[in-house]
Amino acid sequence: MTHEAVDTTPLHGTGWSFRSAMYDPKYRSIFFQVLTIAVLVGIVWWVAHNTAVNLARSNTASGFGFLRGRAGFEIGQSLISFSSDSTYARALVVGILNTLLVAVTGIFTATIIGFLIGIGRLSHNWLIAKLCTVYVEVFRNIPPLLVIFFWYLGVLSVLPQPRESVGLPFSMFLNNRGLAFPKPIFETGMIAVGIALVIAIVATIIIARWAHKRQAATGQPFHTVWTSIALIVGLPLLVFVVSGFPLTFDVPVAGKFNLTGGSVVGPEFMSLFLALSFYTASFIAEIVRGGIRGVPKGQSEAAGALGLHPSSVTRLVVVPQALRIIIPPLTSQYLNLTKNSSLAIAIGFSDLVAVGGTILNQSGQAIEIVCIWGIVYLSLSILTSLFMNWFNAKMALVER
């Protein structure tokens, strides 16, 4: 009697290939990636579905059409014209410009203070080094919001009343309502002055590149400092004189009870600007100190052996090499300062978050406002990172 064997190869073959695929790193990684995407899509769909249901239940219309509505509120400080009859969209533009003003001025000031403090910590003068150390340790270990309150409540709010304003040079006055300064009034001829300034800057860049190539080729230096000053200052000044001095100033005048004329920078902006600048400068100082310490000591010794003055060694040899170490972490501090500007809401400064919060309370468009906040801050961070990455690439060592 013949027994025929039962062929079960297809069944066992199928099971074996599935188990083998699960143990194969390539197929296993694909499986988990697909699973992750499916989970993320499910979460997004669940959030969107619940959001749509809640909006329909509360009879709230979605979309950005509300931005065309009347704002109905005033903004204390604005770089462009704004009134309560303006739209929500214009109010958000005002908030964005105020945020940019704080970020740009804060970054500029914090960089200067940070570099000075960082270099001061390495000074051979005991008093300067210790004072810089105390500055860093104090500001670095205090929350930024507390620093803002210090400037707003502890410094600016205790200044004299407007009738007793502190007189400063150039017809400026300081009181508890802010800093009053002459307001420039531009006439038509200032357009030509602006064009002359742009031409001078472009010419300065061209001359600097030519001088660099000339020195690399012949070894003969060309001092571009005085040439740059003559172009950037002299050319616009010449056009300004030829145009008939198309600039006047509205000077603030101290009255019996208040100041009239001029422009005023409110205490909210001043306290936010000073707080973020001094706070961020403490971190920049440590970055600068670490970058300078990262430059091999032999570089300074070699420069000193050539007879260079210690200040020239720092300026021409140490700092240019330290920048390659300083720039990457410096980018993070610039981003932190920009994002910390949202703390302005604590003292009533009309930045993007404060203006957006007012619009949110009036319109109820929470999702749209939060999306605008995220898009604006993300865009500012990306633009800052792109610029700093470009600058870092320009400062990188070029191998030959």
Protein backbone atom coordinates (compact mmCIF):
# COMPACT_ATOMS: atom_id res chain seq x y z
CA MET A 1 0.00 0.00 0.00
CA THR A 2 1.44 3.33 -1.11
CA HIS A 3 1.16 6.35 1.13
CA GLU A 4 1.21 9.69 -0.67
CA ALA A 5 2.82 12.58 1.19
CA VAL A 6 0.70 15.65 1.76
CA ASP A 7 2.38 18.78 0.40
CA THR A 8 2.08 21.59 2.88
CA THR A 9 4.88 23.73 1.49
CA PRO A 10 2.74 26.78 0.45
CA LEU A 11 1.28 27.12 3.95
CA HIS A 12 4.59 26.75 5.73
CA GLY A 13 6.30 28.93 3.13
CA THR A 14 3.83 31.75 3.67
CA GLY A 15 4.18 31.67 7.45
CA TRP A 16 7.94 31.54 7.23
CA SER A 17 8.19 34.55 4.89
CA PHE A 18 6.00 36.73 7.19
CA ARG A 19 8.07 35.83 10.25
CA SER A 20 11.27 36.41 8.31
CA ALA A 21 10.05 39.80 7.17
CA MET A 22 9.36 40.85 10.75
CA TYR A 23 12.91 39.93 11.70
CA ASP A 24 14.37 41.70 8.67
CA PRO A 25 15.49 45.24 9.74
CA LYS A 26 14.53 46.71 6.36
CA TYR A 27 10.93 45.44 6.31
CA ARG A 28 10.52 45.98 10.05
CA SER A 29 11.49 49.66 9.73
CA ILE A 30 9.03 50.13 6.85
CA PHE A 31 6.26 48.50 8.89
CA PHE A 32 6.79 50.75 11.91
CA GLN A 33 7.04 53.87 9.72
CA VAL A 34 3.72 53.04 8.07
CA LEU A 35 2.20 52.32 11.48
CA THR A 36 3.47 55.66 12.83
CA ILE A 37 2.02 57.58 9.87
CA ALA A 38 -1.31 55.82 10.32
CA VAL A 39 -1.40 56.72 14.03
CA LEU A 40 -0.52 60.36 13.32
CA VAL A 41 -3.18 60.60 10.60
CA GLY A 42 -5.69 59.13 13.01
CA ILE A 43 -4.81 61.64 15.74
CA VAL A 44 -5.00 64.59 13.33
CA TRP A 45 -8.36 63.38 12.01
CA TRP A 46 -9.68 62.93 15.56
CA VAL A 47 -8.58 66.46 16.59
CA ALA A 48 -10.00 68.01 13.41
CA HIS A 49 -13.29 66.14 13.79
CA ASN A 50 -13.72 67.17 17.42
CA THR A 51 -12.80 70.76 16.59
CA ALA A 52 -15.39 70.91 13.80
CA VAL A 53 -18.06 69.39 16.06
CA ASN A 54 -17.33 71.87 18.88
CA LEU A 55 -17.33 74.85 16.49
CA ALA A 56 -20.66 73.75 15.03
CA ARG A 57 -22.10 73.26 18.52
CA SER A 58 -21.07 76.78 19.60
CA ASN A 59 -22.16 78.34 16.26
CA THR A 60 -18.63 79.73 15.71
CA ALA A 61 -17.65 80.30 12.10
CA SER A 62 -14.15 79.11 11.21
CA GLY A 63 -11.79 80.84 8.82
CA PHE A 64 -9.89 84.11 8.68
CA GLY A 65 -12.70 86.32 7.44
CA PHE A 66 -12.95 87.93 10.88
CA LEU A 67 -9.66 89.76 10.18
CA ARG A 68 -11.63 92.26 8.08
CA GLY A 69 -13.75 93.23 11.08
CA ARG A 70 -13.39 96.48 13.04
CA ALA A 71 -10.88 96.24 15.88
CA GLY A 72 -12.65 98.57 18.32
CA PHE A 73 -9.64 99.02 20.62
CA GLU A 74 -6.60 101.28 20.79
CA ILE A 75 -2.92 100.34 20.80
CA GLY A 76 -0.58 102.43 22.91
CA GLN A 77 2.56 102.20 20.76
CA SER A 78 2.43 101.65 17.01
CA LEU A 79 5.00 102.03 14.24
CA ILE A 80 2.21 102.59 11.71
CA SER A 81 -1.03 104.54 11.93
CA PHE A 82 -3.75 102.73 13.85
CA SER A 83 -7.10 103.61 15.39
CA SER A 84 -10.05 101.77 16.84
CA ASP A 85 -11.69 101.88 13.41
CA SER A 86 -8.86 99.85 11.87
CA THR A 87 -9.27 96.16 11.11
CA TYR A 88 -8.14 93.16 13.10
CA ALA A 89 -5.61 92.43 10.36
CA ARG A 90 -3.97 95.85 10.78
CA ALA A 91 -3.91 95.35 14.54
CA LEU A 92 -2.02 92.09 14.06
CA VAL A 93 0.42 93.87 11.73
CA VAL A 94 1.03 96.43 14.48
CA GLY A 95 1.68 93.60 16.94
CA ILE A 96 4.10 91.89 14.55
CA LEU A 97 6.02 95.14 13.96
CA ASN A 98 6.25 95.78 17.70
CA THR A 99 7.57 92.24 18.20
CA LEU A 100 10.15 92.79 15.46
CA LEU A 101 11.16 96.11 17.04
CA VAL A 102 11.81 94.45 20.40
CA ALA A 103 13.64 91.51 18.80
CA VAL A 104 15.91 93.54 16.51
CA THR A 105 16.85 96.23 19.05
CA GLY A 106 17.23 93.64 21.79
CA ILE A 107 19.49 91.40 19.71
CA PHE A 108 21.66 94.36 18.70
CA THR A 109 22.06 95.65 22.27
CA ALA A 110 22.46 92.21 23.86
CA THR A 111 25.22 91.32 21.38
CA ILE A 112 27.22 94.45 22.19
CA ILE A 113 26.80 94.07 25.97
CA GLY A 114 27.47 90.33 25.82
CA PHE A 115 30.71 90.75 23.88
CA LEU A 116 31.94 93.46 26.25
CA ILE A 117 31.08 91.41 29.36
CA GLY A 118 32.50 88.21 27.89
CA ILE A 119 35.81 89.86 27.04
CA GLY A 120 35.76 91.67 30.39
CA ARG A 121 35.57 88.36 32.25
CA LEU A 122 38.92 87.45 30.70
CA SER A 123 40.50 90.79 31.64
CA HIS A 124 43.70 90.80 33.69
CA ASN A 125 42.19 93.62 35.74
CA TRP A 126 40.81 91.96 38.88
CA LEU A 127 38.02 94.49 39.45
CA ILE A 128 36.71 94.37 35.86
CA ALA A 129 36.79 90.57 35.76
CA LYS A 130 34.92 90.24 39.07
CA LEU A 131 32.29 92.85 38.15
CA CYS A 132 31.61 91.04 34.87
CA THR A 133 31.39 87.73 36.73
CA VAL A 134 28.84 89.16 39.18
CA TYR A 135 26.79 90.55 36.27
CA VAL A 136 26.67 87.16 34.55
CA GLU A 137 25.85 85.19 37.67
CA VAL A 138 23.09 87.59 38.74
CA PHE A 139 21.22 87.98 35.45
CA ARG A 140 21.72 84.40 34.30
CA ASN A 141 20.08 82.97 37.40
CA ILE A 142 16.98 85.21 37.46
CA PRO A 143 13.84 84.43 35.42
CA PRO A 144 13.38 86.90 32.53
CA LEU A 145 9.90 87.83 33.74
CA LEU A 146 11.35 88.93 37.07
CA VAL A 147 13.92 91.08 35.24
CA ILE A 148 11.09 92.69 33.27
CA PHE A 149 9.20 93.49 36.48
CA PHE A 150 12.40 94.89 37.99
CA TRP A 151 12.81 97.43 35.20
CA TYR A 152 9.09 98.21 34.95
CA LEU A 153 8.16 98.44 38.65
CA GLY A 154 11.51 99.00 40.32
CA VAL A 155 13.18 101.49 37.98
CA LEU A 156 10.90 103.20 35.47
CA SER A 157 7.80 103.53 37.63
CA VAL A 158 9.70 105.44 40.33
CA LEU A 159 10.92 108.12 37.92
CA PRO A 160 9.57 111.68 38.36
CA GLN A 161 6.19 112.82 37.07
CA PRO A 162 6.06 114.54 33.65
CA ARG A 163 6.02 117.99 35.24
CA GLU A 164 9.36 117.12 36.90
CA SER A 165 10.92 115.33 33.94
CA VAL A 166 14.65 114.73 33.94
CA GLY A 167 16.25 116.77 31.17
CA LEU A 168 18.67 114.90 28.92
CA PRO A 169 20.94 116.07 26.09
CA PHE A 170 19.51 116.68 22.61
CA SER A 171 16.16 117.97 23.96
CA MET A 172 15.16 114.63 25.50
CA PHE A 173 13.18 114.14 28.70
CA LEU A 174 12.80 111.10 30.94
CA ASN A 175 9.87 110.49 33.30
CA ASN A 176 7.63 107.69 34.52
CA ARG A 177 5.67 107.86 31.25
CA GLY A 178 8.69 107.06 29.14
CA LEU A 179 11.40 108.78 27.14
CA ALA A 180 10.39 111.84 25.09
CA PHE A 181 12.66 112.77 22.18
CA PRO A 182 12.50 115.03 19.10
CA LYS A 183 10.30 113.62 16.36
CA PRO A 184 11.89 113.77 12.88
CA ILE A 185 9.74 115.22 10.10
CA PHE A 186 10.91 114.06 6.69
CA GLU A 187 10.33 116.09 3.55
CA THR A 188 10.44 115.03 -0.09
CA GLY A 189 14.19 115.45 -0.47
CA MET A 190 14.89 112.73 2.09
CA ILE A 191 14.18 110.12 -0.59
CA ALA A 192 17.31 111.22 -2.42
CA VAL A 193 19.28 111.02 0.83
CA GLY A 194 18.06 107.45 1.37
CA ILE A 195 19.07 106.49 -2.18
CA ALA A 196 22.50 108.03 -1.61
CA LEU A 197 22.89 105.98 1.57
CA VAL A 198 22.05 102.75 -0.27
CA ILE A 199 24.54 103.59 -3.02
CA ALA A 200 27.21 104.34 -0.40
CA ILE A 201 26.65 100.99 1.34
CA VAL A 202 26.83 99.07 -1.96
CA ALA A 203 30.01 100.96 -2.94
CA THR A 204 31.54 100.18 0.46
CA ILE A 205 30.87 96.44 0.03
CA ILE A 206 32.40 96.48 -3.47
CA ILE A 207 35.50 98.33 -2.26
CA ALA A 208 35.91 95.96 0.70
CA ARG A 209 35.81 92.92 -1.58
CA TRP A 210 38.27 94.54 -3.98
CA ALA A 211 40.63 95.37 -1.11
CA HIS A 212 40.45 91.80 0.18
CA LYS A 213 41.29 90.33 -3.24
CA ARG A 214 44.07 92.88 -3.74
CA GLN A 215 45.68 92.05 -0.41
CA ALA A 216 45.41 88.30 -1.09
CA ALA A 217 47.07 88.74 -4.49
CA THR A 218 49.75 91.35 -3.73
CA GLY A 219 50.01 91.43 0.07
CA GLN A 220 49.44 95.19 0.07
CA PRO A 221 46.71 96.23 2.52
CA PHE A 222 44.12 98.85 1.69
CA HIS A 223 42.55 100.51 4.71
CA THR A 224 38.85 100.60 3.96
CA VAL A 225 37.73 102.10 7.30
CA TRP A 226 38.14 105.76 6.38
CA THR A 227 36.91 105.12 2.85
CA SER A 228 33.77 103.47 4.21
CA ILE A 229 33.16 106.32 6.66
CA ALA A 230 33.62 108.89 3.91
CA LEU A 231 31.14 107.09 1.65
CA ILE A 232 28.47 106.19 4.21
CA VAL A 233 28.58 109.55 5.99
CA GLY A 234 29.88 111.95 3.38
CA LEU A 235 27.74 111.03 0.36
CA PRO A 236 24.34 111.17 2.15
CA LEU A 237 25.43 114.36 3.93
CA LEU A 238 26.35 115.96 0.62
CA VAL A 239 22.98 115.04 -0.88
CA PHE A 240 21.28 116.27 2.29
CA VAL A 241 22.92 119.70 1.92
CA VAL A 242 22.22 119.91 -1.82
CA SER A 243 18.56 118.99 -1.24
CA GLY A 244 18.12 121.97 1.05
CA PHE A 245 18.14 120.22 4.46
CA PRO A 246 14.87 118.31 4.01
CA LEU A 247 14.61 117.32 7.68
CA THR A 248 13.13 119.12 10.66
CA PHE A 249 12.37 118.06 14.22
CA ASP A 250 9.30 118.42 16.41
CA VAL A 251 11.01 119.06 19.75
CA PRO A 252 9.21 118.13 23.01
CA VAL A 253 8.54 121.11 25.26
CA ALA A 254 8.13 120.86 29.02
CA GLY A 255 4.85 122.49 30.06
CA LYS A 256 3.39 123.19 33.47
CA PHE A 257 1.76 119.77 33.80
CA ASN A 258 2.94 117.70 30.83
CA LEU A 259 5.22 117.49 27.81
CA THR A 260 3.97 118.58 24.39
CA GLY A 261 5.38 117.65 21.00
CA GLY A 262 8.00 115.12 20.04
CA SER A 263 7.68 111.35 20.29
CA VAL A 264 7.49 109.18 23.38
CA VAL A 265 8.77 105.67 23.96
CA GLY A 266 6.57 104.18 26.67
CA PRO A 267 7.87 102.52 29.83
CA GLU A 268 6.45 99.17 28.65
CA PHE A 269 8.75 99.01 25.64
CA MET A 270 11.72 100.39 27.57
CA SER A 271 11.40 97.85 30.38
CA LEU A 272 10.96 94.94 27.96
CA PHE A 273 13.85 96.09 25.79
CA LEU A 274 16.22 96.61 28.72
CA ALA A 275 15.22 93.39 30.48
CA LEU A 276 15.63 91.12 27.45
CA SER A 277 18.87 92.85 26.43
CA PHE A 278 20.55 92.55 29.84
CA TYR A 279 19.17 89.06 30.47
CA THR A 280 20.26 87.61 27.10
CA ALA A 281 23.61 89.42 27.29
CA SER A 282 24.57 87.32 30.32
CA PHE A 283 24.27 84.14 28.26
CA ILE A 284 26.02 85.69 25.26
CA ALA A 285 28.88 86.72 27.55
CA GLU A 286 29.47 83.11 28.54
CA ILE A 287 29.33 82.03 24.90
CA VAL A 288 31.91 84.67 24.00
CA ARG A 289 34.16 83.69 26.91
CA GLY A 290 33.96 80.03 25.91
CA GLY A 291 34.67 80.85 22.27
CA ILE A 292 37.75 82.88 23.16
CA ARG A 293 38.97 80.13 25.49
CA GLY A 294 38.54 77.70 22.61
CA VAL A 295 41.16 79.48 20.50
CA PRO A 296 44.57 77.81 21.00
CA LYS A 297 46.87 79.85 23.21
CA GLY A 298 49.62 79.52 20.63
CA GLN A 299 47.72 81.87 18.33
CA SER A 300 47.98 84.70 20.87
CA GLU A 301 51.60 83.90 21.62
CA ALA A 302 52.51 83.91 17.93
CA ALA A 303 50.75 87.25 17.42
CA GLY A 304 52.53 88.68 20.45
CA ALA A 305 55.85 87.44 19.10
CA LEU A 306 55.22 89.48 15.97
CA GLY A 307 54.97 92.60 18.11
CA LEU A 308 51.20 93.14 18.01
CA HIS A 309 49.60 95.08 20.84
CA PRO A 310 47.36 92.95 23.13
CA SER A 311 44.24 94.81 21.95
CA SER A 312 45.23 94.15 18.33
CA VAL A 313 45.81 90.49 19.13
CA THR A 314 42.29 90.23 20.55
CA ARG A 315 40.68 92.15 17.69
CA LEU A 316 42.59 90.73 14.74
CA VAL A 317 43.60 87.21 15.80
CA VAL A 318 41.54 85.85 18.68
CA VAL A 319 38.02 87.17 18.04
CA PRO A 320 37.87 86.23 14.31
CA GLN A 321 38.79 82.64 15.18
CA ALA A 322 36.49 82.58 18.21
CA LEU A 323 33.52 83.60 16.04
CA ARG A 324 33.53 80.15 14.46
CA ILE A 325 32.82 78.73 17.92
CA ILE A 326 30.53 81.54 19.06
CA ILE A 327 28.06 81.81 16.17
CA PRO A 328 26.18 78.44 16.46
CA PRO A 329 25.17 78.84 20.15
CA LEU A 330 24.66 82.57 19.59
CA THR A 331 21.85 81.69 17.18
CA SER A 332 19.97 79.93 19.97
CA GLN A 333 20.16 83.02 22.17
CA TYR A 334 18.79 85.20 19.38
CA LEU A 335 15.87 82.80 18.99
CA ASN A 336 15.28 82.77 22.74
CA LEU A 337 15.19 86.57 22.89
CA THR A 338 12.67 86.71 20.05
CA LYS A 339 10.41 84.18 21.74
CA ASN A 340 10.82 85.77 25.18
CA SER A 341 9.39 88.99 23.75
CA SER A 342 5.98 87.33 24.21
CA LEU A 343 6.39 88.08 27.95
CA ALA A 344 5.42 91.65 27.04
CA ILE A 345 1.82 90.71 27.82
CA ALA A 346 2.73 90.80 31.53
CA ILE A 347 3.35 94.57 31.45
CA GLY A 348 0.81 95.54 28.80
CA PHE A 349 3.11 96.11 25.82
CA SER A 350 1.21 95.59 22.57
CA ASP A 351 3.23 92.86 20.92
CA LEU A 352 1.85 90.05 18.75
CA VAL A 353 0.67 87.94 21.71
CA ALA A 354 -0.99 90.83 23.53
CA VAL A 355 -2.80 92.11 20.42
CA GLY A 356 -3.77 88.58 19.40
CA GLY A 357 -5.14 87.90 22.89
CA THR A 358 -7.37 90.97 22.69
CA ILE A 359 -8.66 89.91 19.27
CA LEU A 360 -9.24 86.37 20.56
CA ASN A 361 -11.35 87.65 23.47
CA GLN A 362 -13.47 89.81 21.18
CA SER A 363 -13.95 87.44 18.25
CA GLY A 364 -13.65 84.02 19.86
CA GLN A 365 -11.48 82.79 16.95
CA ALA A 366 -9.05 80.91 19.18
CA ILE A 367 -7.80 78.39 16.63
CA GLU A 368 -7.06 81.01 13.99
CA ILE A 369 -5.24 83.31 16.43
CA VAL A 370 -3.11 80.48 17.80
CA CYS A 371 -2.24 79.45 14.23
CA ILE A 372 -1.18 83.03 13.44
CA TRP A 373 1.00 83.10 16.56
CA GLY A 374 2.66 79.84 15.60
CA ILE A 375 3.22 80.82 11.97
CA VAL A 376 4.72 84.22 12.83
CA TYR A 377 7.12 82.95 15.51
CA LEU A 378 8.09 79.96 13.37
CA SER A 379 8.81 82.25 10.41
CA LEU A 380 10.91 84.61 12.54
CA SER A 381 12.89 81.68 13.95
CA ILE A 382 13.51 80.15 10.52
CA LEU A 383 14.62 83.48 9.02
CA THR A 384 16.97 84.11 11.95
CA SER A 385 18.43 80.62 11.65
CA LEU A 386 18.93 80.94 7.90
CA PHE A 387 20.76 84.25 8.29
CA MET A 388 22.98 82.96 11.09
CA ASN A 389 23.76 79.77 9.16
CA TRP A 390 24.76 81.88 6.17
CA PHE A 391 26.95 84.06 8.38
CA ASN A 392 28.47 80.97 10.00
CA ALA A 393 29.32 79.59 6.55
CA LYS A 394 30.97 82.87 5.61
CA MET A 395 33.13 82.75 8.75
CA ALA A 396 34.11 79.10 8.34
CA LEU A 397 37.69 78.18 7.57
CA VAL A 398 38.35 77.63 3.87
CA GLU A 399 40.68 74.73 3.25
CA ARG A 400 43.20 75.07 0.46
